[in-house]
Amino acid sequence: MKRILREYGLPAALLLGGALPLGFLVAFAISAALPMHRLANAAQAVAGFAVMAVCGGLWGQSVARAAGSRATTRLFWGAVAGFIVGALGAVLGLGVLEQIFVERRALGPVPIHVIFAVIFPPAMGLVSALMAFVAGGLLRGLRFGGRVAWQAGLAAAVAFLAATVIQDLLGRRVGGPNAAATFTMVSVTMIGNFVAALAAGTVLGRALAAVPGPVETAPASPLDTSASG
């Protein structure tokens, strides 16, 4: 179990969980260097998102190496594509849900921290499921990818929710008093991402380790047409 945590869980936490704060740092650096206008705002968004996508690709490479596969290049670009699709989908989906539940008050005066705890864990679970599907599908085939996707996604969602509830109990409530000044939502989200990525990466690692034989002898799939990267 220690090896799984070291080779799969921690890289996922650092690279996938760390993608968001690193992207924010890059965007902040650009905003400090450029005058505020539309071009600067676009540069912030593109650069920050590109950094996060590269983090996703590096995670894919780490999974390939840990699994003993030579398909590091395929895993890199597959994870980049999966991260772009998953992150964009999460951002757009959360934006729509925020308008429905926060701005339009579709469910009435529900506290923001409750809405956060309801919509953010599933979003993180879906992104984690997609990343696990890409990595698992490329390394072990589509059937394996589908099975490990829901397992990793569920683990990520539960872990994110647990991290959110614990932080809330410790007084770090999203939407609470002085939350805007202390960037509580951002920090709670980042911590949740780290924990969720750790959980999803560990689940993926255990599933990969449980499949006997080297990666290159696994059943072929449309996503894995050669043994080399």
C-alpha atoms as a PDB file:
ATOM      1  CA  MET A   1       0.000   0.000   0.000  1.00  0.00           C
ATOM      2  CA  LYS A   2       2.895   2.362   0.745  1.00  0.00           C
ATOM      3  CA  ARG A   3       4.215   1.835  -2.779  1.00  0.00           C
ATOM      4  CA  ILE A   4       0.798   2.593  -4.264  1.00  0.00           C
ATOM      5  CA  LEU A   5       0.571   5.815  -2.272  1.00  0.00           C
ATOM      6  CA  ARG A   6       4.120   6.818  -3.200  1.00  0.00           C
ATOM      7  CA  GLU A   7       3.949   5.989  -6.899  1.00  0.00           C
ATOM      8  CA  TYR A   8       0.308   6.792  -7.695  1.00  0.00           C
ATOM      9  CA  GLY A   9      -1.370   8.709  -4.880  1.00  0.00           C
ATOM     10  CA  LEU A  10       1.227  11.379  -4.169  1.00  0.00           C
ATOM     11  CA  PRO A  11       1.974  12.193  -7.839  1.00  0.00           C
ATOM     12  CA  ALA A  12      -1.768  12.599  -8.424  1.00  0.00           C
ATOM     13  CA  ALA A  13      -2.078  14.909  -5.406  1.00  0.00           C
ATOM     14  CA  LEU A  14       0.931  17.003  -6.452  1.00  0.00           C
ATOM     15  CA  LEU A  15       0.256  17.175 -10.195  1.00  0.00           C
ATOM     16  CA  LEU A  16      -3.538  17.052 -10.461  1.00  0.00           C
ATOM     17  CA  GLY A  17      -4.277  18.596  -7.091  1.00  0.00           C
ATOM     18  CA  GLY A  18      -1.490  21.138  -7.538  1.00  0.00           C
ATOM     19  CA  ALA A  19      -2.569  22.104 -11.054  1.00  0.00           C
ATOM     20  CA  LEU A  20      -5.131  24.632  -9.811  1.00  0.00           C
ATOM     21  CA  PRO A  21      -2.868  26.641  -7.463  1.00  0.00           C
ATOM     22  CA  LEU A  22      -0.025  26.562  -9.976  1.00  0.00           C
ATOM     23  CA  GLY A  23      -2.343  27.830 -12.707  1.00  0.00           C
ATOM     24  CA  PHE A  24      -3.505  30.606 -10.382  1.00  0.00           C
ATOM     25  CA  LEU A  25       0.092  31.588  -9.663  1.00  0.00           C
ATOM     26  CA  VAL A  26       0.923  31.816 -13.358  1.00  0.00           C
ATOM     27  CA  ALA A  27      -2.210  33.866 -14.044  1.00  0.00           C
ATOM     28  CA  PHE A  28      -1.369  36.167 -11.116  1.00  0.00           C
ATOM     29  CA  ALA A  29       2.193  36.653 -12.400  1.00  0.00           C
ATOM     30  CA  ILE A  30       0.874  37.642 -15.813  1.00  0.00           C
ATOM     31  CA  SER A  31      -1.635  40.063 -14.297  1.00  0.00           C
ATOM     32  CA  ALA A  32       1.175  41.699 -12.329  1.00  0.00           C
ATOM     33  CA  ALA A  33       3.373  42.042 -15.411  1.00  0.00           C
ATOM     34  CA  LEU A  34       0.784  43.275 -17.920  1.00  0.00           C
ATOM     35  CA  PRO A  35      -1.613  46.229 -17.785  1.00  0.00           C
ATOM     36  CA  MET A  36      -5.201  45.215 -17.181  1.00  0.00           C
ATOM     37  CA  HIS A  37      -7.106  44.941 -20.447  1.00  0.00           C
ATOM     38  CA  ARG A  38      -8.825  42.251 -22.462  1.00  0.00           C
ATOM     39  CA  LEU A  39      -5.592  40.911 -23.947  1.00  0.00           C
ATOM     40  CA  ALA A  40      -4.064  40.538 -20.502  1.00  0.00           C
ATOM     41  CA  ASN A  41      -7.163  38.762 -19.210  1.00  0.00           C
ATOM     42  CA  ALA A  42      -7.073  36.371 -22.166  1.00  0.00           C
ATOM     43  CA  ALA A  43      -3.353  35.733 -21.626  1.00  0.00           C
ATOM     44  CA  GLN A  44      -3.997  34.926 -17.965  1.00  0.00           C
ATOM     45  CA  ALA A  45      -6.713  32.431 -18.814  1.00  0.00           C
ATOM     46  CA  VAL A  46      -4.775  30.708 -21.605  1.00  0.00           C
ATOM     47  CA  ALA A  47      -1.482  30.531 -19.707  1.00  0.00           C
ATOM     48  CA  GLY A  48      -3.078  29.344 -16.466  1.00  0.00           C
ATOM     49  CA  PHE A  49      -5.100  26.693 -18.233  1.00  0.00           C
ATOM     50  CA  ALA A  50      -2.082  25.553 -20.293  1.00  0.00           C
ATOM     51  CA  VAL A  51      -0.047  25.078 -17.122  1.00  0.00           C
ATOM     52  CA  MET A  52      -2.820  22.985 -15.594  1.00  0.00           C
ATOM     53  CA  ALA A  53      -3.090  20.874 -18.760  1.00  0.00           C
ATOM     54  CA  VAL A  54       0.665  20.215 -18.701  1.00  0.00           C
ATOM     55  CA  CYS A  55       0.361  19.128 -15.066  1.00  0.00           C
ATOM     56  CA  GLY A  56      -2.270  16.652 -16.224  1.00  0.00           C
ATOM     57  CA  GLY A  57       0.081  15.346 -18.896  1.00  0.00           C
ATOM     58  CA  LEU A  58       2.949  14.937 -16.436  1.00  0.00           C
ATOM     59  CA  TRP A  59       0.596  12.960 -14.211  1.00  0.00           C
ATOM     60  CA  GLY A  60      -0.148  10.673 -17.162  1.00  0.00           C
ATOM     61  CA  GLN A  61       3.564  10.083 -17.628  1.00  0.00           C
ATOM     62  CA  SER A  62       3.990   9.296 -13.942  1.00  0.00           C
ATOM     63  CA  VAL A  63       1.206   6.700 -14.140  1.00  0.00           C
ATOM     64  CA  ALA A  64       2.846   5.053 -17.160  1.00  0.00           C
ATOM     65  CA  ARG A  65       6.205   4.848 -15.388  1.00  0.00           C
ATOM     66  CA  ALA A  66       4.692   3.503 -12.190  1.00  0.00           C
ATOM     67  CA  ALA A  67       2.828   0.845 -14.172  1.00  0.00           C
ATOM     68  CA  GLY A  68       6.002  -0.180 -15.993  1.00  0.00           C
ATOM     69  CA  SER A  69       4.781   1.005 -19.389  1.00  0.00           C
ATOM     70  CA  ARG A  70       6.914   2.584 -22.107  1.00  0.00           C
ATOM     71  CA  ALA A  71       3.898   4.468 -23.468  1.00  0.00           C
ATOM     72  CA  THR A  72       4.788   7.661 -21.606  1.00  0.00           C
ATOM     73  CA  THR A  73       4.209   9.924 -24.614  1.00  0.00           C
ATOM     74  CA  ARG A  74       0.773   8.445 -25.299  1.00  0.00           C
ATOM     75  CA  LEU A  75      -0.185   8.796 -21.641  1.00  0.00           C
ATOM     76  CA  PHE A  76       1.068  12.384 -21.567  1.00  0.00           C
ATOM     77  CA  TRP A  77      -1.076  13.560 -24.475  1.00  0.00           C
ATOM     78  CA  GLY A  78      -4.008  11.399 -23.494  1.00  0.00           C
ATOM     79  CA  ALA A  79      -3.994  12.912 -20.012  1.00  0.00           C
ATOM     80  CA  VAL A  80      -3.613  16.434 -21.443  1.00  0.00           C
ATOM     81  CA  ALA A  81      -6.681  15.885 -23.634  1.00  0.00           C
ATOM     82  CA  GLY A  82      -8.621  14.325 -20.768  1.00  0.00           C
ATOM     83  CA  PHE A  83      -7.739  17.169 -18.431  1.00  0.00           C
ATOM     84  CA  ILE A  84      -8.761  19.830 -20.952  1.00  0.00           C
ATOM     85  CA  VAL A  85     -12.118  18.176 -21.584  1.00  0.00           C
ATOM     86  CA  GLY A  86     -12.751  17.459 -17.908  1.00  0.00           C
ATOM     87  CA  ALA A  87     -11.675  20.861 -16.595  1.00  0.00           C
ATOM     88  CA  LEU A  88     -13.614  22.791 -19.229  1.00  0.00           C
ATOM     89  CA  GLY A  89     -16.683  20.683 -18.582  1.00  0.00           C
ATOM     90  CA  ALA A  90     -16.367  21.216 -14.825  1.00  0.00           C
ATOM     91  CA  VAL A  91     -15.887  24.979 -15.153  1.00  0.00           C
ATOM     92  CA  LEU A  92     -18.830  25.384 -17.515  1.00  0.00           C
ATOM     93  CA  GLY A  93     -21.051  23.043 -15.539  1.00  0.00           C
ATOM     94  CA  LEU A  94     -20.271  24.691 -12.200  1.00  0.00           C
ATOM     95  CA  GLY A  95     -20.861  28.093 -13.773  1.00  0.00           C
ATOM     96  CA  VAL A  96     -24.329  27.054 -14.911  1.00  0.00           C
ATOM     97  CA  LEU A  97     -25.176  25.496 -11.530  1.00  0.00           C
ATOM     98  CA  GLU A  98     -23.956  28.607  -9.736  1.00  0.00           C
ATOM     99  CA  GLN A  99     -26.313  30.760 -11.779  1.00  0.00           C
ATOM    100  CA  ILE A 100     -29.215  28.415 -11.054  1.00  0.00           C
ATOM    101  CA  PHE A 101     -28.714  27.856  -7.331  1.00  0.00           C
ATOM    102  CA  VAL A 102     -26.839  30.979  -6.177  1.00  0.00           C
ATOM    103  CA  GLU A 103     -27.913  33.828  -8.437  1.00  0.00           C
ATOM    104  CA  ARG A 104     -31.461  32.704  -9.285  1.00  0.00           C
ATOM    105  CA  ARG A 105     -32.058  30.962  -5.951  1.00  0.00           C
ATOM    106  CA  ALA A 106     -33.851  28.065  -7.634  1.00  0.00           C
ATOM    107  CA  LEU A 107     -34.015  26.148  -4.343  1.00  0.00           C
ATOM    108  CA  GLY A 108     -34.701  29.176  -2.193  1.00  0.00           C
ATOM    109  CA  PRO A 109     -32.364  30.601   0.470  1.00  0.00           C
ATOM    110  CA  VAL A 110     -30.034  27.597   0.673  1.00  0.00           C
ATOM    111  CA  PRO A 111     -26.690  28.539   2.316  1.00  0.00           C
ATOM    112  CA  ILE A 112     -23.741  28.818  -0.056  1.00  0.00           C
ATOM    113  CA  HIS A 113     -21.664  26.278   1.875  1.00  0.00           C
ATOM    114  CA  VAL A 114     -24.420  23.694   1.387  1.00  0.00           C
ATOM    115  CA  ILE A 115     -24.615  24.376  -2.351  1.00  0.00           C
ATOM    116  CA  PHE A 116     -20.814  24.122  -2.545  1.00  0.00           C
ATOM    117  CA  ALA A 117     -20.858  20.756  -0.768  1.00  0.00           C
ATOM    118  CA  VAL A 118     -23.540  19.467  -3.139  1.00  0.00           C
ATOM    119  CA  ILE A 119     -22.155  20.529  -6.542  1.00  0.00           C
ATOM    120  CA  PHE A 120     -18.357  20.584  -6.161  1.00  0.00           C
ATOM    121  CA  PRO A 121     -17.663  16.977  -5.027  1.00  0.00           C
ATOM    122  CA  PRO A 122     -19.524  15.446  -8.025  1.00  0.00           C
ATOM    123  CA  ALA A 123     -17.657  17.815 -10.370  1.00  0.00           C
ATOM    124  CA  MET A 124     -14.315  16.690  -8.960  1.00  0.00           C
ATOM    125  CA  GLY A 125     -15.493  13.085  -9.131  1.00  0.00           C
ATOM    126  CA  LEU A 126     -16.372  13.393 -12.817  1.00  0.00           C
ATOM    127  CA  VAL A 127     -13.014  14.952 -13.704  1.00  0.00           C
ATOM    128  CA  SER A 128     -11.185  12.241 -11.741  1.00  0.00           C
ATOM    129  CA  ALA A 129     -13.271   9.540 -13.388  1.00  0.00           C
ATOM    130  CA  LEU A 130     -12.395  10.861 -16.834  1.00  0.00           C
ATOM    131  CA  MET A 131      -8.676  11.002 -16.034  1.00  0.00           C
ATOM    132  CA  ALA A 132      -8.767   7.463 -14.614  1.00  0.00           C
ATOM    133  CA  PHE A 133     -10.640   6.252 -17.691  1.00  0.00           C
ATOM    134  CA  VAL A 134      -8.012   7.742 -20.007  1.00  0.00           C
ATOM    135  CA  ALA A 135      -5.066   6.311 -18.075  1.00  0.00           C
ATOM    136  CA  GLY A 136      -6.700   2.964 -17.394  1.00  0.00           C
ATOM    137  CA  GLY A 137      -7.989   2.643 -20.951  1.00  0.00           C
ATOM    138  CA  LEU A 138      -4.607   3.366 -22.501  1.00  0.00           C
ATOM    139  CA  LEU A 139      -2.796   0.963 -20.180  1.00  0.00           C
ATOM    140  CA  ARG A 140      -5.270  -1.897 -19.779  1.00  0.00           C
ATOM    141  CA  GLY A 141      -8.060  -1.435 -22.332  1.00  0.00           C
ATOM    142  CA  LEU A 142     -11.479   0.203 -22.407  1.00  0.00           C
ATOM    143  CA  ARG A 143     -13.225  -2.294 -20.139  1.00  0.00           C
ATOM    144  CA  PHE A 144     -10.647  -1.789 -17.409  1.00  0.00           C
ATOM    145  CA  GLY A 145     -10.767   1.974 -17.949  1.00  0.00           C
ATOM    146  CA  GLY A 146     -14.528   2.036 -17.506  1.00  0.00           C
ATOM    147  CA  ARG A 147     -14.360  -0.006 -14.317  1.00  0.00           C
ATOM    148  CA  VAL A 148     -11.613   2.024 -12.672  1.00  0.00           C
ATOM    149  CA  ALA A 149     -13.224   5.301 -13.792  1.00  0.00           C
ATOM    150  CA  TRP A 150     -16.281   4.987 -11.559  1.00  0.00           C
ATOM    151  CA  GLN A 151     -14.191   3.688  -8.672  1.00  0.00           C
ATOM    152  CA  ALA A 152     -11.720   6.573  -8.849  1.00  0.00           C
ATOM    153  CA  GLY A 153     -14.488   9.100  -9.452  1.00  0.00           C
ATOM    154  CA  LEU A 154     -16.461   7.923  -6.427  1.00  0.00           C
ATOM    155  CA  ALA A 155     -13.346   7.971  -4.245  1.00  0.00           C
ATOM    156  CA  ALA A 156     -12.520  11.509  -5.373  1.00  0.00           C
ATOM    157  CA  ALA A 157     -16.045  12.810  -4.749  1.00  0.00           C
ATOM    158  CA  VAL A 158     -16.222  11.280  -1.264  1.00  0.00           C
ATOM    159  CA  ALA A 159     -12.739  12.551  -0.389  1.00  0.00           C
ATOM    160  CA  PHE A 160     -13.555  16.076  -1.589  1.00  0.00           C
ATOM    161  CA  LEU A 161     -16.794  16.101   0.401  1.00  0.00           C
ATOM    162  CA  ALA A 162     -15.018  14.827   3.533  1.00  0.00           C
ATOM    163  CA  ALA A 163     -12.327  17.507   3.212  1.00  0.00           C
ATOM    164  CA  THR A 164     -15.010  20.170   2.780  1.00  0.00           C
ATOM    165  CA  VAL A 165     -17.010  19.033   5.813  1.00  0.00           C
ATOM    166  CA  ILE A 166     -13.918  18.805   8.026  1.00  0.00           C
ATOM    167  CA  GLN A 167     -12.808  22.298   7.028  1.00  0.00           C
ATOM    168  CA  ASP A 168     -16.305  23.590   7.685  1.00  0.00           C
ATOM    169  CA  LEU A 169     -16.260  22.071  11.177  1.00  0.00           C
ATOM    170  CA  LEU A 170     -12.910  23.768  11.769  1.00  0.00           C
ATOM    171  CA  GLY A 171     -14.440  27.151  10.962  1.00  0.00           C
ATOM    172  CA  ARG A 172     -13.381  27.446   7.327  1.00  0.00           C
ATOM    173  CA  ARG A 173     -16.868  27.783   5.859  1.00  0.00           C
ATOM    174  CA  VAL A 174     -17.453  28.702   2.216  1.00  0.00           C
ATOM    175  CA  GLY A 175     -19.604  31.813   2.151  1.00  0.00           C
ATOM    176  CA  GLY A 176     -19.126  32.352   5.875  1.00  0.00           C
ATOM    177  CA  PRO A 177     -18.126  35.575   7.676  1.00  0.00           C
ATOM    178  CA  ASN A 178     -15.095  37.259   6.088  1.00  0.00           C
ATOM    179  CA  ALA A 179     -14.860  34.402   3.556  1.00  0.00           C
ATOM    180  CA  ALA A 180     -14.316  36.721   0.577  1.00  0.00           C
ATOM    181  CA  ALA A 181     -11.440  38.575   2.242  1.00  0.00           C
ATOM    182  CA  THR A 182      -9.700  35.326   3.196  1.00  0.00           C
ATOM    183  CA  PHE A 183     -10.329  33.573  -0.156  1.00  0.00           C
ATOM    184  CA  THR A 184     -11.995  30.726   1.713  1.00  0.00           C
ATOM    185  CA  MET A 185     -13.711  29.208  -1.328  1.00  0.00           C
ATOM    186  CA  VAL A 186     -10.443  29.084  -3.289  1.00  0.00           C
ATOM    187  CA  SER A 187      -8.441  27.560  -0.441  1.00  0.00           C
ATOM    188  CA  VAL A 188     -11.153  25.056   0.488  1.00  0.00           C
ATOM    189  CA  THR A 189     -11.384  24.017  -3.161  1.00  0.00           C
ATOM    190  CA  MET A 190      -7.619  23.614  -3.467  1.00  0.00           C
ATOM    191  CA  ILE A 191      -7.366  21.476  -0.341  1.00  0.00           C
ATOM    192  CA  GLY A 192     -10.310  19.401  -1.525  1.00  0.00           C
ATOM    193  CA  ASN A 193      -8.608  18.922  -4.894  1.00  0.00           C
ATOM    194  CA  PHE A 194      -5.414  17.652  -3.243  1.00  0.00           C
ATOM    195  CA  VAL A 195      -7.293  15.131  -1.107  1.00  0.00           C
ATOM    196  CA  ALA A 196      -9.561  14.017  -3.952  1.00  0.00           C
ATOM    197  CA  ALA A 197      -6.637  13.543  -6.358  1.00  0.00           C
ATOM    198  CA  LEU A 198      -4.756  11.554  -3.717  1.00  0.00           C
ATOM    199  CA  ALA A 199      -7.751   9.255  -3.273  1.00  0.00           C
ATOM    200  CA  ALA A 200      -8.394   8.821  -6.997  1.00  0.00           C
ATOM    201  CA  GLY A 201      -4.722   8.201  -7.775  1.00  0.00           C
ATOM    202  CA  THR A 202      -4.491   5.580  -5.047  1.00  0.00           C
ATOM    203  CA  VAL A 203      -7.580   3.766  -6.327  1.00  0.00           C
ATOM    204  CA  LEU A 204      -6.193   3.794  -9.870  1.00  0.00           C
ATOM    205  CA  GLY A 205      -2.838   2.506  -8.642  1.00  0.00           C
ATOM    206  CA  ARG A 206      -4.404  -0.365  -6.703  1.00  0.00           C
ATOM    207  CA  ALA A 207      -6.471  -1.362  -9.722  1.00  0.00           C
ATOM    208  CA  LEU A 208      -3.442  -1.295 -12.033  1.00  0.00           C
ATOM    209  CA  ALA A 209      -1.326  -3.276  -9.571  1.00  0.00           C
ATOM    210  CA  ALA A 210      -4.047  -5.924  -9.268  1.00  0.00           C
ATOM    211  CA  VAL A 211      -3.906  -6.752 -13.001  1.00  0.00           C
ATOM    212  CA  PRO A 212      -1.262  -9.464 -13.522  1.00  0.00           C
ATOM    213  CA  GLY A 213       1.412  -9.325 -16.185  1.00  0.00           C
ATOM    214  CA  PRO A 214       3.322  -6.451 -17.783  1.00  0.00           C
ATOM    215  CA  VAL A 215       1.386  -3.630 -19.404  1.00  0.00           C
ATOM    216  CA  GLU A 216       2.504  -4.506 -22.912  1.00  0.00           C
ATOM    217  CA  THR A 217       0.837  -7.942 -22.713  1.00  0.00           C
ATOM    218  CA  ALA A 218      -2.548  -6.544 -21.702  1.00  0.00           C
ATOM    219  CA  PRO A 219      -5.423  -7.004 -24.167  1.00  0.00           C
ATOM    220  CA  ALA A 220      -5.264  -4.519 -27.003  1.00  0.00           C
ATOM    221  CA  SER A 221      -7.815  -1.752 -27.271  1.00  0.00           C
ATOM    222  CA  PRO A 222      -8.633   0.997 -29.777  1.00  0.00           C
ATOM    223  CA  LEU A 223      -6.853   3.413 -27.437  1.00  0.00           C
ATOM    224  CA  ASP A 224      -3.621   1.360 -27.315  1.00  0.00           C
ATOM    225  CA  THR A 225      -2.450   0.270 -30.740  1.00  0.00           C
ATOM    226  CA  SER A 226       1.226  -0.181 -29.993  1.00  0.00           C
ATOM    227  CA  ALA A 227       3.446  -1.132 -27.106  1.00  0.00           C
ATOM    228  CA  SER A 228       5.712   1.887 -27.231  1.00  0.00           C
ATOM    229  CA  GLY A 229       5.098   5.528 -26.451  1.00  0.00           C
END
